[in-house]
PDB file of N, CA and C in Angstrom:
ATOM      1  N   MET A   1     121.745  20.438  23.543  1.00  0.00           N
ATOM      2  CA  MET A   1     122.637  19.439  22.961  1.00  0.00           C
ATOM      3  C   MET A   1     124.069  19.994  22.923  1.00  0.00           C
ATOM      4  N   THR A   2     124.222  21.263  22.582  1.00  0.00           N
ATOM      5  CA  THR A   2     125.546  21.850  22.504  1.00  0.00           C
ATOM      6  C   THR A   2     126.272  21.729  23.846  1.00  0.00           C
ATOM      7  N   GLU A   3     125.593  22.015  24.926  1.00  0.00           N
ATOM      8  CA  GLU A   3     126.216  21.955  26.231  1.00  0.00           C
ATOM      9  C   GLU A   3     126.633  20.503  26.556  1.00  0.00           C
ATOM     10  N   ALA A   4     125.835  19.540  26.188  1.00  0.00           N
ATOM     11  CA  ALA A   4     126.171  18.114  26.424  1.00  0.00           C
ATOM     12  C   ALA A   4     127.436  17.760  25.648  1.00  0.00           C
ATOM     13  N   VAL A   5     127.541  18.184  24.403  1.00  0.00           N
ATOM     14  CA  VAL A   5     128.744  17.905  23.604  1.00  0.00           C
ATOM     15  C   VAL A   5     129.972  18.516  24.264  1.00  0.00           C
ATOM     16  N   LYS A   6     129.842  19.773  24.709  1.00  0.00           N
ATOM     17  CA  LYS A   6     130.950  20.468  25.350  1.00  0.00           C
ATOM     18  C   LYS A   6     131.409  19.697  26.617  1.00  0.00           C
ATOM     19  N   GLN A   7     130.429  19.306  27.416  1.00  0.00           N
ATOM     20  CA  GLN A   7     130.777  18.615  28.678  1.00  0.00           C
ATOM     21  C   GLN A   7     131.444  17.266  28.426  1.00  0.00           C
ATOM     22  N   VAL A   8     130.922  16.480  27.489  1.00  0.00           N
ATOM     23  CA  VAL A   8     131.519  15.186  27.178  1.00  0.00           C
ATOM     24  C   VAL A   8     132.924  15.357  26.639  1.00  0.00           C
ATOM     25  N   CYS A   9     133.133  16.299  25.739  1.00  0.00           N
ATOM     26  CA  CYS A   9     134.461  16.496  25.187  1.00  0.00           C
ATOM     27  C   CYS A   9     135.424  16.987  26.252  1.00  0.00           C
ATOM     28  N   GLY A  10     134.995  17.896  27.097  1.00  0.00           N
ATOM     29  CA  GLY A  10     135.825  18.341  28.207  1.00  0.00           C
ATOM     30  C   GLY A  10     136.249  17.216  29.119  1.00  0.00           C
ATOM     31  N   TYR A  11     135.290  16.375  29.438  1.00  0.00           N
ATOM     32  CA  TYR A  11     135.582  15.224  30.282  1.00  0.00           C
ATOM     33  C   TYR A  11     136.591  14.264  29.645  1.00  0.00           C
ATOM     34  N   VAL A  12     136.408  13.956  28.366  1.00  0.00           N
ATOM     35  CA  VAL A  12     137.304  13.075  27.639  1.00  0.00           C
ATOM     36  C   VAL A  12     138.714  13.649  27.620  1.00  0.00           C
ATOM     37  N   PHE A  13     138.850  14.933  27.322  1.00  0.00           N
ATOM     38  CA  PHE A  13     140.167  15.553  27.297  1.00  0.00           C
ATOM     39  C   PHE A  13     140.824  15.572  28.673  1.00  0.00           C
ATOM     40  N   GLU A  14     140.027  15.811  29.704  1.00  0.00           N
ATOM     41  CA  GLU A  14     140.550  15.875  31.076  1.00  0.00           C
ATOM     42  C   GLU A  14     141.005  14.509  31.575  1.00  0.00           C
ATOM     43  N   LYS A  15     140.260  13.472  31.255  1.00  0.00           N
ATOM     44  CA  LYS A  15     140.474  12.148  31.830  1.00  0.00           C
ATOM     45  C   LYS A  15     141.308  11.176  30.975  1.00  0.00           C
ATOM     46  N   SER A  16     141.731  11.630  29.793  1.00  0.00           N
ATOM     47  CA  SER A  16     142.491  10.729  28.898  1.00  0.00           C
ATOM     48  C   SER A  16     143.606  11.515  28.219  1.00  0.00           C
ATOM     49  N   ASP A  17     144.383  10.797  27.461  1.00  0.00           N
ATOM     50  CA  ASP A  17     145.452  11.427  26.700  1.00  0.00           C
ATOM     51  C   ASP A  17     145.060  11.724  25.250  1.00  0.00           C
ATOM     52  N   ILE A  18     143.784  11.674  24.972  1.00  0.00           N
ATOM     53  CA  ILE A  18     143.272  11.979  23.638  1.00  0.00           C
ATOM     54  C   ILE A  18     143.531  13.457  23.321  1.00  0.00           C
ATOM     55  N   LEU A  19     144.024  13.707  22.129  1.00  0.00           N
ATOM     56  CA  LEU A  19     144.356  15.065  21.697  1.00  0.00           C
ATOM     57  C   LEU A  19     143.366  15.632  20.720  1.00  0.00           C
ATOM     58  N   ARG A  20     142.560  14.773  20.076  1.00  0.00           N
ATOM     59  CA  ARG A  20     141.675  15.220  19.009  1.00  0.00           C
ATOM     60  C   ARG A  20     140.415  14.377  19.016  1.00  0.00           C
ATOM     61  N   ILE A  21     139.282  15.073  18.932  1.00  0.00           N
ATOM     62  CA  ILE A  21     137.984  14.390  18.807  1.00  0.00           C
ATOM     63  C   ILE A  21     137.394  14.856  17.448  1.00  0.00           C
ATOM     64  N   TYR A  22     136.874  13.901  16.692  1.00  0.00           N
ATOM     65  CA  TYR A  22     136.287  14.302  15.432  1.00  0.00           C
ATOM     66  C   TYR A  22     134.867  13.754  15.276  1.00  0.00           C
ATOM     67  N   ALA A  23     134.118  14.396  14.383  1.00  0.00           N
ATOM     68  CA  ALA A  23     132.762  13.988  14.097  1.00  0.00           C
ATOM     69  C   ALA A  23     132.529  14.107  12.615  1.00  0.00           C
ATOM     70  N   GLU A  24     131.683  13.201  12.084  1.00  0.00           N
ATOM     71  CA  GLU A  24     131.369  13.184  10.655  1.00  0.00           C
ATOM     72  C   GLU A  24     129.867  13.150  10.445  1.00  0.00           C
ATOM     73  N   PRO A  25     129.179  14.283  10.617  1.00  0.00           N
ATOM     74  CA  PRO A  25     127.730  14.296  10.354  1.00  0.00           C
ATOM     75  C   PRO A  25     127.434  14.245   8.855  1.00  0.00           C
ATOM     76  N   PHE A  26     126.228  13.774   8.519  1.00  0.00           N
ATOM     77  CA  PHE A  26     125.795  13.841   7.130  1.00  0.00           C
ATOM     78  C   PHE A  26     125.783  15.324   6.686  1.00  0.00           C
ATOM     79  N   ALA A  27     126.196  15.608   5.498  1.00  0.00           N
ATOM     80  CA  ALA A  27     126.301  17.001   5.042  1.00  0.00           C
ATOM     81  C   ALA A  27     124.937  17.706   5.066  1.00  0.00           C
ATOM     82  N   TYR A  28     123.880  16.985   4.866  1.00  0.00           N
ATOM     83  CA  TYR A  28     122.537  17.608   4.857  1.00  0.00           C
ATOM     84  C   TYR A  28     122.015  17.905   6.274  1.00  0.00           C
ATOM     85  N   ASN A  29     122.662  17.356   7.285  1.00  0.00           N
ATOM     86  CA  ASN A  29     122.158  17.502   8.653  1.00  0.00           C
ATOM     87  C   ASN A  29     122.725  18.783   9.259  1.00  0.00           C
ATOM     88  N   MET A  30     122.128  19.893   8.896  1.00  0.00           N
ATOM     89  CA  MET A  30     122.611  21.210   9.335  1.00  0.00           C
ATOM     90  C   MET A  30     122.479  21.395  10.833  1.00  0.00           C
ATOM     91  N   ALA A  31     121.514  20.785  11.476  1.00  0.00           N
ATOM     92  CA  ALA A  31     121.353  20.923  12.919  1.00  0.00           C
ATOM     93  C   ALA A  31     122.553  20.327  13.661  1.00  0.00           C
ATOM     94  N   SER A  32     122.981  19.151  13.237  1.00  0.00           N
ATOM     95  CA  SER A  32     124.138  18.519  13.860  1.00  0.00           C
ATOM     96  C   SER A  32     125.402  19.330  13.595  1.00  0.00           C
ATOM     97  N   CYS A  33     125.547  19.841  12.391  1.00  0.00           N
ATOM     98  CA  CYS A  33     126.715  20.679  12.083  1.00  0.00           C
ATOM     99  C   CYS A  33     126.732  21.906  12.958  1.00  0.00           C
ATOM    100  N   ARG A  34     125.601  22.508  13.160  1.00  0.00           N
ATOM    101  CA  ARG A  34     125.519  23.730  13.994  1.00  0.00           C
ATOM    102  C   ARG A  34     125.866  23.437  15.438  1.00  0.00           C
ATOM    103  N   VAL A  35     125.376  22.304  15.970  1.00  0.00           N
ATOM    104  CA  VAL A  35     125.730  21.929  17.346  1.00  0.00           C
ATOM    105  C   VAL A  35     127.238  21.792  17.496  1.00  0.00           C
ATOM    106  N   LEU A  36     127.867  21.127  16.535  1.00  0.00           N
ATOM    107  CA  LEU A  36     129.312  20.959  16.593  1.00  0.00           C
ATOM    108  C   LEU A  36     130.038  22.311  16.545  1.00  0.00           C
ATOM    109  N   GLU A  37     129.612  23.171  15.662  1.00  0.00           N
ATOM    110  CA  GLU A  37     130.211  24.482  15.531  1.00  0.00           C
ATOM    111  C   GLU A  37     130.057  25.286  16.825  1.00  0.00           C
ATOM    112  N   LYS A  38     128.874  25.275  17.411  1.00  0.00           N
ATOM    113  CA  LYS A  38     128.645  25.978  18.650  1.00  0.00           C
ATOM    114  C   LYS A  38     129.435  25.401  19.834  1.00  0.00           C
ATOM    115  N   ALA A  39     129.782  24.125  19.728  1.00  0.00           N
ATOM    116  CA  ALA A  39     130.560  23.463  20.772  1.00  0.00           C
ATOM    117  C   ALA A  39     132.066  23.681  20.595  1.00  0.00           C
ATOM    118  N   GLY A  40     132.435  24.375  19.543  1.00  0.00           N
ATOM    119  CA  GLY A  40     133.847  24.717  19.313  1.00  0.00           C
ATOM    120  C   GLY A  40     134.576  23.895  18.267  1.00  0.00           C
ATOM    121  N   PHE A  41     133.883  22.965  17.646  1.00  0.00           N
ATOM    122  CA  PHE A  41     134.505  22.141  16.574  1.00  0.00           C
ATOM    123  C   PHE A  41     134.764  22.997  15.354  1.00  0.00           C
ATOM    124  N   GLN A  42     135.855  22.678  14.680  1.00  0.00           N
ATOM    125  CA  GLN A  42     136.227  23.361  13.446  1.00  0.00           C
ATOM    126  C   GLN A  42     135.881  22.510  12.243  1.00  0.00           C
ATOM    127  N   TYR A  43     135.257  23.147  11.230  1.00  0.00           N
ATOM    128  CA  TYR A  43     134.956  22.457   9.985  1.00  0.00           C
ATOM    129  C   TYR A  43     136.262  22.207   9.220  1.00  0.00           C
ATOM    130  N   GLU A  44     136.514  20.979   8.808  1.00  0.00           N
ATOM    131  CA  GLU A  44     137.731  20.627   8.111  1.00  0.00           C
ATOM    132  C   GLU A  44     137.513  20.356   6.628  1.00  0.00           C
ATOM    133  N   GLY A  45     136.306  19.991   6.251  1.00  0.00           N
ATOM    134  CA  GLY A  45     136.054  19.747   4.825  1.00  0.00           C
ATOM    135  C   GLY A  45     134.899  18.790   4.633  1.00  0.00           C
ATOM    136  N   THR A  46     134.550  18.589   3.359  1.00  0.00           N
ATOM    137  CA  THR A  46     133.482  17.687   2.997  1.00  0.00           C
ATOM    138  C   THR A  46     134.073  16.384   2.473  1.00  0.00           C
ATOM    139  N   LEU A  47     133.561  15.294   2.963  1.00  0.00           N
ATOM    140  CA  LEU A  47     133.946  13.972   2.519  1.00  0.00           C
ATOM    141  C   LEU A  47     132.915  13.540   1.442  1.00  0.00           C
ATOM    142  N   ARG A  48     133.285  13.722   0.216  1.00  0.00           N
ATOM    143  CA  ARG A  48     132.342  13.497  -0.896  1.00  0.00           C
ATOM    144  C   ARG A  48     132.043  12.023  -1.073  1.00  0.00           C
ATOM    145  N   ASN A  49     130.784  11.696  -1.311  1.00  0.00           N
ATOM    146  CA  ASN A  49     130.355  10.315  -1.558  1.00  0.00           C
ATOM    147  C   ASN A  49     130.906   9.362  -0.515  1.00  0.00           C
ATOM    148  N   ASN A  50     130.748   9.710   0.743  1.00  0.00           N
ATOM    149  CA  ASN A  50     131.396   8.981   1.843  1.00  0.00           C
ATOM    150  C   ASN A  50     130.498   7.942   2.522  1.00  0.00           C
ATOM    151  N   ALA A  51     129.225   7.946   2.257  1.00  0.00           N
ATOM    152  CA  ALA A  51     128.348   6.994   2.940  1.00  0.00           C
ATOM    153  C   ALA A  51     127.174   6.651   2.035  1.00  0.00           C
ATOM    154  N   VAL A  52     126.545   5.528   2.377  1.00  0.00           N
ATOM    155  CA  VAL A  52     125.325   5.129   1.689  1.00  0.00           C
ATOM    156  C   VAL A  52     124.234   5.061   2.751  1.00  0.00           C
ATOM    157  N   LYS A  53     123.136   5.791   2.526  1.00  0.00           N
ATOM    158  CA  LYS A  53     122.014   5.770   3.448  1.00  0.00           C
ATOM    159  C   LYS A  53     120.739   5.585   2.612  1.00  0.00           C
ATOM    160  N   ASN A  54     119.989   4.587   2.979  1.00  0.00           N
ATOM    161  CA  ASN A  54     118.749   4.268   2.254  1.00  0.00           C
ATOM    162  C   ASN A  54     119.024   4.117   0.754  1.00  0.00           C
ATOM    163  N   GLY A  55     120.151   3.529   0.422  1.00  0.00           N
ATOM    164  CA  GLY A  55     120.461   3.253  -0.981  1.00  0.00           C
ATOM    165  C   GLY A  55     121.003   4.434  -1.763  1.00  0.00           C
ATOM    166  N   LYS A  56     121.198   5.589  -1.079  1.00  0.00           N
ATOM    167  CA  LYS A  56     121.655   6.787  -1.750  1.00  0.00           C
ATOM    168  C   LYS A  56     123.059   7.128  -1.238  1.00  0.00           C
ATOM    169  N   VAL A  57     123.969   7.467  -2.137  1.00  0.00           N
ATOM    170  CA  VAL A  57     125.318   7.882  -1.774  1.00  0.00           C
ATOM    171  C   VAL A  57     125.263   9.335  -1.386  1.00  0.00           C
ATOM    172  N   ILE A  58     125.832   9.644  -0.190  1.00  0.00           N
ATOM    173  CA  ILE A  58     125.762  11.018   0.329  1.00  0.00           C
ATOM    174  C   ILE A  58     127.120  11.499   0.838  1.00  0.00           C
ATOM    175  N   ASP A  59     127.234  12.801   0.939  1.00  0.00           N
ATOM    176  CA  ASP A  59     128.420  13.440   1.488  1.00  0.00           C
ATOM    177  C   ASP A  59     128.328  13.504   2.998  1.00  0.00           C
ATOM    178  N   MET A  60     129.491  13.619   3.607  1.00  0.00           N
ATOM    179  CA  MET A  60     129.567  13.869   5.062  1.00  0.00           C
ATOM    180  C   MET A  60     130.547  15.026   5.268  1.00  0.00           C
ATOM    181  N   LYS A  61     130.406  15.677   6.396  1.00  0.00           N
ATOM    182  CA  LYS A  61     131.333  16.765   6.741  1.00  0.00           C
ATOM    183  C   LYS A  61     132.234  16.292   7.868  1.00  0.00           C
ATOM    184  N   MET A  62     133.440  16.809   7.893  1.00  0.00           N
ATOM    185  CA  MET A  62     134.419  16.481   8.915  1.00  0.00           C
ATOM    186  C   MET A  62     134.602  17.688   9.811  1.00  0.00           C
ATOM    187  N   TYR A  63     134.418  17.442  11.123  1.00  0.00           N
ATOM    188  CA  TYR A  63     134.674  18.479  12.130  1.00  0.00           C
ATOM    189  C   TYR A  63     135.624  17.894  13.150  1.00  0.00           C
ATOM    190  N   SER A  64     136.443  18.777  13.771  1.00  0.00           N
ATOM    191  CA  SER A  64     137.343  18.277  14.826  1.00  0.00           C
ATOM    192  C   SER A  64     137.473  19.349  15.933  1.00  0.00           C
ATOM    193  N   LEU A  65     137.808  18.828  17.087  1.00  0.00           N
ATOM    194  CA  LEU A  65     138.100  19.671  18.267  1.00  0.00           C
ATOM    195  C   LEU A  65     139.411  19.187  18.846  1.00  0.00           C
ATOM    196  N   LEU A  66     140.346  20.083  19.023  1.00  0.00           N
ATOM    197  CA  LEU A  66     141.648  19.746  19.609  1.00  0.00           C
ATOM    198  C   LEU A  66     141.672  20.089  21.087  1.00  0.00           C
ATOM    199  N   LYS A  67     142.391  19.283  21.835  1.00  0.00           N
ATOM    200  CA  LYS A  67     142.456  19.508  23.277  1.00  0.00           C
ATOM    201  C   LYS A  67     142.929  20.914  23.590  1.00  0.00           C
ATOM    202  N   GLU A  68     143.873  21.421  22.846  1.00  0.00           N
ATOM    203  CA  GLU A  68     144.405  22.769  23.092  1.00  0.00           C
ATOM    204  C   GLU A  68     143.402  23.872  22.805  1.00  0.00           C
ATOM    205  N   GLU A  69     142.294  23.563  22.149  1.00  0.00           N
ATOM    206  CA  GLU A  69     141.303  24.580  21.765  1.00  0.00           C
ATOM    207  C   GLU A  69     140.221  24.803  22.814  1.00  0.00           C
ATOM    208  N   ILE A  70     140.188  23.933  23.839  1.00  0.00           N
ATOM    209  CA  ILE A  70     139.110  24.147  24.818  1.00  0.00           C
ATOM    210  C   ILE A  70     139.634  24.861  26.049  1.00  0.00           C
TER     211      ILE A  70
END
């Protein structure tokens, strides 16, 4: 999965004028957070009480990758 994320992000940066890609996984989803980190995304912070899933209010994490970082 990490390699797929890297390839998609590289393609987007190469073929567009996008400067920043961000992702907001659920805070409890450590596997998704790890994939993003291994793909070069930087952790920016926790978005507290940012979503409702199955009737429960949960936190999300913010990650970003800048074009200049790849």
